[in-house]
Amino acid sequence: MKLIVGLGNPGERYRFSRHNFGFIVVDILADEWRIPLNQQGYFSLFGRGIFKGVELFLVKPMTYMNNSGVALKGWFEFILPSVEDVLVIHDDLDLPFGDVRLKKDGGHGGHRGLISIIEVTGTKNFSRLRIGTGRPQGRERDREAIIEWLLRPLSQDELLQLDKSFEKAKNCIEEFILYGIEKAMSNCNKKA
């Protein structure tokens, strides 16, 4: 069984923001794989289904990004036998806009959602799919500019630019589910 978790913030105002890349990808997967996200539990909206013979959960924590660990704790303790079966999808300031990268485990890189997950669950040994947001030009280190950058709605042009990124993310997640993180990383992290 696999747990595919998209990080984001609930609410219409955040729906198409950079900080909600994880939610957007989970919504795409739910639609394409016909897994309705219509169940609630562990402070999450989720759906349970099967992809090519593999049972899985698609999960969107409803705790807001900075408290994602509260939602994941229940999933880790009661649903999954191994964190190796977990993939967390999140935005990443340090990747160029639209870049998609898989990572086996590691630190939080300053990402508040990952900080919460690591602190609350006590582990950093879960895989991540990172989608680049880039940084606000000319204000790359300005905290308030970064927050505004991550939370403001994407333009129609930006959403169109992300179509290929979200398709690549979907393909990488499918490889993770079917073949595991090592093979998925080998295929998905290649330079185009």
C-alpha atoms as a PDB file:
ATOM      1  CA  MET A   1       0.000   0.000   0.000  1.00  0.00           C
ATOM      2  CA  LYS A   2       1.222   3.488  -0.890  1.00  0.00           C
ATOM      3  CA  LEU A   3       0.438   6.862   0.637  1.00  0.00           C
ATOM      4  CA  ILE A   4       0.621   9.783  -1.793  1.00  0.00           C
ATOM      5  CA  VAL A   5       0.365  13.083   0.093  1.00  0.00           C
ATOM      6  CA  GLY A   6       0.047  16.487  -1.529  1.00  0.00           C
ATOM      7  CA  LEU A   7       0.874  19.449   0.694  1.00  0.00           C
ATOM      8  CA  GLY A   8      -1.048  22.687   0.463  1.00  0.00           C
ATOM      9  CA  ASN A   9      -3.503  24.993   2.154  1.00  0.00           C
ATOM     10  CA  PRO A  10      -7.269  24.409   2.151  1.00  0.00           C
ATOM     11  CA  GLY A  11      -9.550  27.118   0.815  1.00  0.00           C
ATOM     12  CA  GLU A  12     -10.376  28.661  -2.533  1.00  0.00           C
ATOM     13  CA  ARG A  13      -7.983  31.606  -2.099  1.00  0.00           C
ATOM     14  CA  TYR A  14      -4.971  29.237  -2.114  1.00  0.00           C
ATOM     15  CA  ARG A  15      -6.276  26.764  -4.691  1.00  0.00           C
ATOM     16  CA  PHE A  16      -4.003  27.753  -7.584  1.00  0.00           C
ATOM     17  CA  SER A  17      -1.001  29.139  -5.701  1.00  0.00           C
ATOM     18  CA  ARG A  18       2.591  27.908  -5.821  1.00  0.00           C
ATOM     19  CA  HIS A  19       2.289  26.675  -2.237  1.00  0.00           C
ATOM     20  CA  ASN A  20      -0.515  24.344  -3.365  1.00  0.00           C
ATOM     21  CA  PHE A  21       1.407  22.424  -6.018  1.00  0.00           C
ATOM     22  CA  GLY A  22       0.996  19.280  -3.888  1.00  0.00           C
ATOM     23  CA  PHE A  23      -2.789  19.655  -3.720  1.00  0.00           C
ATOM     24  CA  ILE A  24      -2.970  20.360  -7.467  1.00  0.00           C
ATOM     25  CA  VAL A  25      -1.046  17.181  -8.325  1.00  0.00           C
ATOM     26  CA  VAL A  26      -3.184  15.027  -5.991  1.00  0.00           C
ATOM     27  CA  ASP A  27      -6.315  16.472  -7.635  1.00  0.00           C
ATOM     28  CA  ILE A  28      -4.908  15.576 -11.071  1.00  0.00           C
ATOM     29  CA  LEU A  29      -4.140  12.014  -9.929  1.00  0.00           C
ATOM     30  CA  ALA A  30      -7.586  11.615  -8.348  1.00  0.00           C
ATOM     31  CA  ASP A  31      -9.238  12.758 -11.574  1.00  0.00           C
ATOM     32  CA  GLU A  32      -7.124  10.644 -13.941  1.00  0.00           C
ATOM     33  CA  TRP A  33      -7.211   7.514 -11.782  1.00  0.00           C
ATOM     34  CA  ARG A  34     -10.890   7.997 -10.866  1.00  0.00           C
ATOM     35  CA  ILE A  35     -10.264   7.990  -7.120  1.00  0.00           C
ATOM     36  CA  PRO A  36     -12.729  10.400  -5.512  1.00  0.00           C
ATOM     37  CA  LEU A  37     -11.328  12.503  -2.675  1.00  0.00           C
ATOM     38  CA  ASN A  38     -14.508  12.213  -0.652  1.00  0.00           C
ATOM     39  CA  GLN A  39     -13.440  10.749   2.680  1.00  0.00           C
ATOM     40  CA  GLN A  40     -12.247  12.527   5.812  1.00  0.00           C
ATOM     41  CA  GLY A  41      -9.970  11.317   8.573  1.00  0.00           C
ATOM     42  CA  TYR A  42      -6.652  12.104  10.243  1.00  0.00           C
ATOM     43  CA  PHE A  43      -7.298  15.817   9.588  1.00  0.00           C
ATOM     44  CA  SER A  44      -7.238  15.032   5.859  1.00  0.00           C
ATOM     45  CA  LEU A  45      -9.384  14.809   2.779  1.00  0.00           C
ATOM     46  CA  PHE A  46      -8.547  11.545   1.037  1.00  0.00           C
ATOM     47  CA  GLY A  47      -9.488   8.842  -1.404  1.00  0.00           C
ATOM     48  CA  ARG A  48      -8.620   5.164  -1.453  1.00  0.00           C
ATOM     49  CA  GLY A  49      -8.117   3.280  -4.684  1.00  0.00           C
ATOM     50  CA  ILE A  50      -5.978   1.027  -6.824  1.00  0.00           C
ATOM     51  CA  PHE A  51      -3.472   2.006  -9.497  1.00  0.00           C
ATOM     52  CA  LYS A  52      -2.313  -0.894 -11.716  1.00  0.00           C
ATOM     53  CA  GLY A  53      -2.865  -3.405  -8.922  1.00  0.00           C
ATOM     54  CA  VAL A  54      -1.302  -1.325  -6.134  1.00  0.00           C
ATOM     55  CA  GLU A  55      -3.597  -0.171  -3.333  1.00  0.00           C
ATOM     56  CA  LEU A  56      -3.064   3.445  -2.350  1.00  0.00           C
ATOM     57  CA  PHE A  57      -4.379   6.497  -0.582  1.00  0.00           C
ATOM     58  CA  LEU A  58      -4.360   9.979  -2.110  1.00  0.00           C
ATOM     59  CA  VAL A  59      -4.237  12.481   0.754  1.00  0.00           C
ATOM     60  CA  LYS A  60      -4.601  16.249   1.165  1.00  0.00           C
ATOM     61  CA  PRO A  61      -3.955  17.371   4.765  1.00  0.00           C
ATOM     62  CA  MET A  62      -6.528  19.987   5.796  1.00  0.00           C
ATOM     63  CA  THR A  63      -4.409  21.419   8.620  1.00  0.00           C
ATOM     64  CA  TYR A  64      -2.761  24.165   6.557  1.00  0.00           C
ATOM     65  CA  MET A  65       0.786  23.723   5.359  1.00  0.00           C
ATOM     66  CA  ASN A  66       2.612  24.599   8.581  1.00  0.00           C
ATOM     67  CA  ASN A  67       0.767  21.868  10.521  1.00  0.00           C
ATOM     68  CA  SER A  68       0.945  19.061   7.949  1.00  0.00           C
ATOM     69  CA  GLY A  69       2.670  16.792  10.468  1.00  0.00           C
ATOM     70  CA  VAL A  70      -0.475  16.672  12.615  1.00  0.00           C
ATOM     71  CA  ALA A  71      -2.327  15.001   9.730  1.00  0.00           C
ATOM     72  CA  LEU A  72       0.535  12.711   8.724  1.00  0.00           C
ATOM     73  CA  LYS A  73       1.108  11.389  12.236  1.00  0.00           C
ATOM     74  CA  GLY A  74      -2.129   9.403  12.193  1.00  0.00           C
ATOM     75  CA  TRP A  75      -1.452   8.034   8.725  1.00  0.00           C
ATOM     76  CA  PHE A  76       2.067   6.958   9.703  1.00  0.00           C
ATOM     77  CA  GLU A  77       0.943   5.320  12.956  1.00  0.00           C
ATOM     78  CA  PHE A  78      -2.265   3.575  11.951  1.00  0.00           C
ATOM     79  CA  ILE A  79      -2.302   2.987   8.209  1.00  0.00           C
ATOM     80  CA  LEU A  80       1.182   2.347   6.871  1.00  0.00           C
ATOM     81  CA  PRO A  81       3.695  -0.263   7.923  1.00  0.00           C
ATOM     82  CA  SER A  82       6.653   1.578   6.361  1.00  0.00           C
ATOM     83  CA  VAL A  83       7.601   5.179   5.575  1.00  0.00           C
ATOM     84  CA  GLU A  84       9.205   3.830   2.389  1.00  0.00           C
ATOM     85  CA  ASP A  85       5.656   3.643   1.026  1.00  0.00           C
ATOM     86  CA  VAL A  86       5.090   7.384   1.533  1.00  0.00           C
ATOM     87  CA  LEU A  87       5.582  10.072  -1.110  1.00  0.00           C
ATOM     88  CA  VAL A  88       5.063  13.717  -0.109  1.00  0.00           C
ATOM     89  CA  ILE A  89       4.494  16.199  -2.951  1.00  0.00           C
ATOM     90  CA  HIS A  90       5.458  19.802  -2.214  1.00  0.00           C
ATOM     91  CA  ASP A  91       6.596  23.108  -3.661  1.00  0.00           C
ATOM     92  CA  ASP A  92      10.300  23.988  -3.575  1.00  0.00           C
ATOM     93  CA  LEU A  93      11.710  27.535  -3.677  1.00  0.00           C
ATOM     94  CA  ASP A  94      15.188  26.311  -4.563  1.00  0.00           C
ATOM     95  CA  LEU A  95      14.165  24.678  -7.840  1.00  0.00           C
ATOM     96  CA  PRO A  96      13.470  26.744 -10.957  1.00  0.00           C
ATOM     97  CA  PHE A  97       9.790  27.276 -11.749  1.00  0.00           C
ATOM     98  CA  GLY A  98       8.235  24.036 -12.980  1.00  0.00           C
ATOM     99  CA  ASP A  99      11.231  21.749 -12.391  1.00  0.00           C
ATOM    100  CA  VAL A 100      10.242  18.350 -10.972  1.00  0.00           C
ATOM    101  CA  ARG A 101      12.604  16.260  -8.847  1.00  0.00           C
ATOM    102  CA  LEU A 102      12.281  13.149  -6.715  1.00  0.00           C
ATOM    103  CA  LYS A 103      14.226  12.805  -3.486  1.00  0.00           C
ATOM    104  CA  LYS A 104      14.531   9.694  -1.337  1.00  0.00           C
ATOM    105  CA  ASP A 105      14.674  11.340   2.095  1.00  0.00           C
ATOM    106  CA  GLY A 106      16.545  14.118   3.853  1.00  0.00           C
ATOM    107  CA  GLY A 107      16.079  17.381   5.661  1.00  0.00           C
ATOM    108  CA  HIS A 108      13.377  19.988   5.338  1.00  0.00           C
ATOM    109  CA  GLY A 109      15.266  22.703   3.432  1.00  0.00           C
ATOM    110  CA  GLY A 110      13.337  25.335   5.387  1.00  0.00           C
ATOM    111  CA  HIS A 111       9.955  24.134   4.053  1.00  0.00           C
ATOM    112  CA  ARG A 112       7.479  24.610   6.892  1.00  0.00           C
ATOM    113  CA  GLY A 113       5.268  21.697   5.847  1.00  0.00           C
ATOM    114  CA  LEU A 114       8.244  19.328   5.890  1.00  0.00           C
ATOM    115  CA  ILE A 115       9.464  20.797   9.195  1.00  0.00           C
ATOM    116  CA  SER A 116       6.075  19.965  10.715  1.00  0.00           C
ATOM    117  CA  ILE A 117       6.038  16.419   9.303  1.00  0.00           C
ATOM    118  CA  ILE A 118       9.570  15.665  10.528  1.00  0.00           C
ATOM    119  CA  GLU A 119       8.957  17.158  13.991  1.00  0.00           C
ATOM    120  CA  VAL A 120       5.584  15.488  14.585  1.00  0.00           C
ATOM    121  CA  THR A 121       6.271  12.066  13.049  1.00  0.00           C
ATOM    122  CA  GLY A 122       9.878  11.848  14.227  1.00  0.00           C
ATOM    123  CA  THR A 123      11.183  10.734  10.843  1.00  0.00           C
ATOM    124  CA  LYS A 124      12.649  12.294   7.719  1.00  0.00           C
ATOM    125  CA  ASN A 125      12.899   8.950   5.910  1.00  0.00           C
ATOM    126  CA  PHE A 126      10.051   9.506   3.477  1.00  0.00           C
ATOM    127  CA  SER A 127      10.313  10.239  -0.235  1.00  0.00           C
ATOM    128  CA  ARG A 128       9.456  13.618  -1.715  1.00  0.00           C
ATOM    129  CA  LEU A 129       8.435  14.904  -5.096  1.00  0.00           C
ATOM    130  CA  ARG A 130       9.509  18.537  -5.331  1.00  0.00           C
ATOM    131  CA  ILE A 131       8.058  21.013  -7.812  1.00  0.00           C
ATOM    132  CA  GLY A 132       9.976  24.239  -8.314  1.00  0.00           C
ATOM    133  CA  THR A 133       8.390  27.593  -7.591  1.00  0.00           C
ATOM    134  CA  GLY A 134      11.483  29.665  -8.253  1.00  0.00           C
ATOM    135  CA  ARG A 135      11.939  32.806  -6.159  1.00  0.00           C
ATOM    136  CA  PRO A 136      10.539  36.321  -6.589  1.00  0.00           C
ATOM    137  CA  GLN A 137      12.955  38.122  -8.899  1.00  0.00           C
ATOM    138  CA  GLY A 138      15.054  40.762  -7.183  1.00  0.00           C
ATOM    139  CA  ARG A 139      13.694  39.793  -3.758  1.00  0.00           C
ATOM    140  CA  GLU A 140      14.986  36.219  -3.499  1.00  0.00           C
ATOM    141  CA  ARG A 141      15.734  36.443   0.260  1.00  0.00           C
ATOM    142  CA  ASP A 142      12.956  38.841   1.344  1.00  0.00           C
ATOM    143  CA  ARG A 143      10.732  36.751   3.649  1.00  0.00           C
ATOM    144  CA  GLU A 144       7.555  38.794   3.084  1.00  0.00           C
ATOM    145  CA  ALA A 145       8.058  38.813  -0.688  1.00  0.00           C
ATOM    146  CA  ILE A 146       8.549  35.035  -0.622  1.00  0.00           C
ATOM    147  CA  ILE A 147       5.355  34.469   1.376  1.00  0.00           C
ATOM    148  CA  GLU A 148       3.386  36.665  -1.032  1.00  0.00           C
ATOM    149  CA  TRP A 149       5.028  34.853  -3.984  1.00  0.00           C
ATOM    150  CA  LEU A 150       4.035  31.420  -2.661  1.00  0.00           C
ATOM    151  CA  LEU A 151       0.458  32.319  -1.700  1.00  0.00           C
ATOM    152  CA  ARG A 152      -0.716  34.549  -4.548  1.00  0.00           C
ATOM    153  CA  PRO A 153      -2.759  32.927  -7.337  1.00  0.00           C
ATOM    154  CA  LEU A 154      -0.843  31.817 -10.410  1.00  0.00           C
ATOM    155  CA  SER A 155      -1.539  33.622 -13.670  1.00  0.00           C
ATOM    156  CA  GLN A 156      -3.176  31.793 -16.568  1.00  0.00           C
ATOM    157  CA  ASP A 157       0.194  31.837 -18.390  1.00  0.00           C
ATOM    158  CA  GLU A 158       1.952  30.293 -15.376  1.00  0.00           C
ATOM    159  CA  LEU A 159      -0.680  27.549 -15.133  1.00  0.00           C
ATOM    160  CA  LEU A 160      -0.208  26.758 -18.824  1.00  0.00           C
ATOM    161  CA  GLN A 161       3.575  26.579 -18.314  1.00  0.00           C
ATOM    162  CA  LEU A 162       2.988  24.046 -15.541  1.00  0.00           C
ATOM    163  CA  ASP A 163       1.010  21.569 -17.678  1.00  0.00           C
ATOM    164  CA  LYS A 164       4.183  19.662 -18.648  1.00  0.00           C
ATOM    165  CA  SER A 165       5.485  19.830 -15.071  1.00  0.00           C
ATOM    166  CA  PHE A 166       2.315  18.318 -13.659  1.00  0.00           C
ATOM    167  CA  GLU A 167       2.342  15.621 -16.350  1.00  0.00           C
ATOM    168  CA  LYS A 168       5.948  14.785 -15.456  1.00  0.00           C
ATOM    169  CA  ALA A 169       5.017  14.746 -11.753  1.00  0.00           C
ATOM    170  CA  LYS A 170       2.204  12.277 -12.505  1.00  0.00           C
ATOM    171  CA  ASN A 171       4.590  10.019 -14.446  1.00  0.00           C
ATOM    172  CA  CYS A 172       7.185  10.132 -11.655  1.00  0.00           C
ATOM    173  CA  ILE A 173       4.550   9.223  -9.066  1.00  0.00           C
ATOM    174  CA  GLU A 174       3.379   6.308 -11.193  1.00  0.00           C
ATOM    175  CA  GLU A 175       6.973   5.036 -11.355  1.00  0.00           C
ATOM    176  CA  PHE A 176       7.331   5.433  -7.576  1.00  0.00           C
ATOM    177  CA  ILE A 177       4.168   3.381  -7.036  1.00  0.00           C
ATOM    178  CA  LEU A 178       5.113   0.606  -9.457  1.00  0.00           C
ATOM    179  CA  TYR A 179       8.911   0.386  -9.123  1.00  0.00           C
ATOM    180  CA  GLY A 180       9.984   2.219  -5.951  1.00  0.00           C
ATOM    181  CA  ILE A 181      11.909   5.394  -5.282  1.00  0.00           C
ATOM    182  CA  GLU A 182      15.334   4.370  -6.635  1.00  0.00           C
ATOM    183  CA  LYS A 183      14.130   3.485 -10.141  1.00  0.00           C
ATOM    184  CA  ALA A 184      11.722   6.418 -10.189  1.00  0.00           C
ATOM    185  CA  MET A 185      14.554   8.810  -9.255  1.00  0.00           C
ATOM    186  CA  SER A 186      16.805   7.328 -11.924  1.00  0.00           C
ATOM    187  CA  ASN A 187      14.209   7.972 -14.625  1.00  0.00           C
ATOM    188  CA  CYS A 188      12.615  11.181 -13.374  1.00  0.00           C
ATOM    189  CA  ASN A 189      15.664  13.172 -12.328  1.00  0.00           C
ATOM    190  CA  LYS A 190      17.376  12.947 -15.722  1.00  0.00           C
ATOM    191  CA  LYS A 191      18.061  16.266 -17.399  1.00  0.00           C
ATOM    192  CA  ALA A 192      15.922  16.719 -20.502  1.00  0.00           C
END
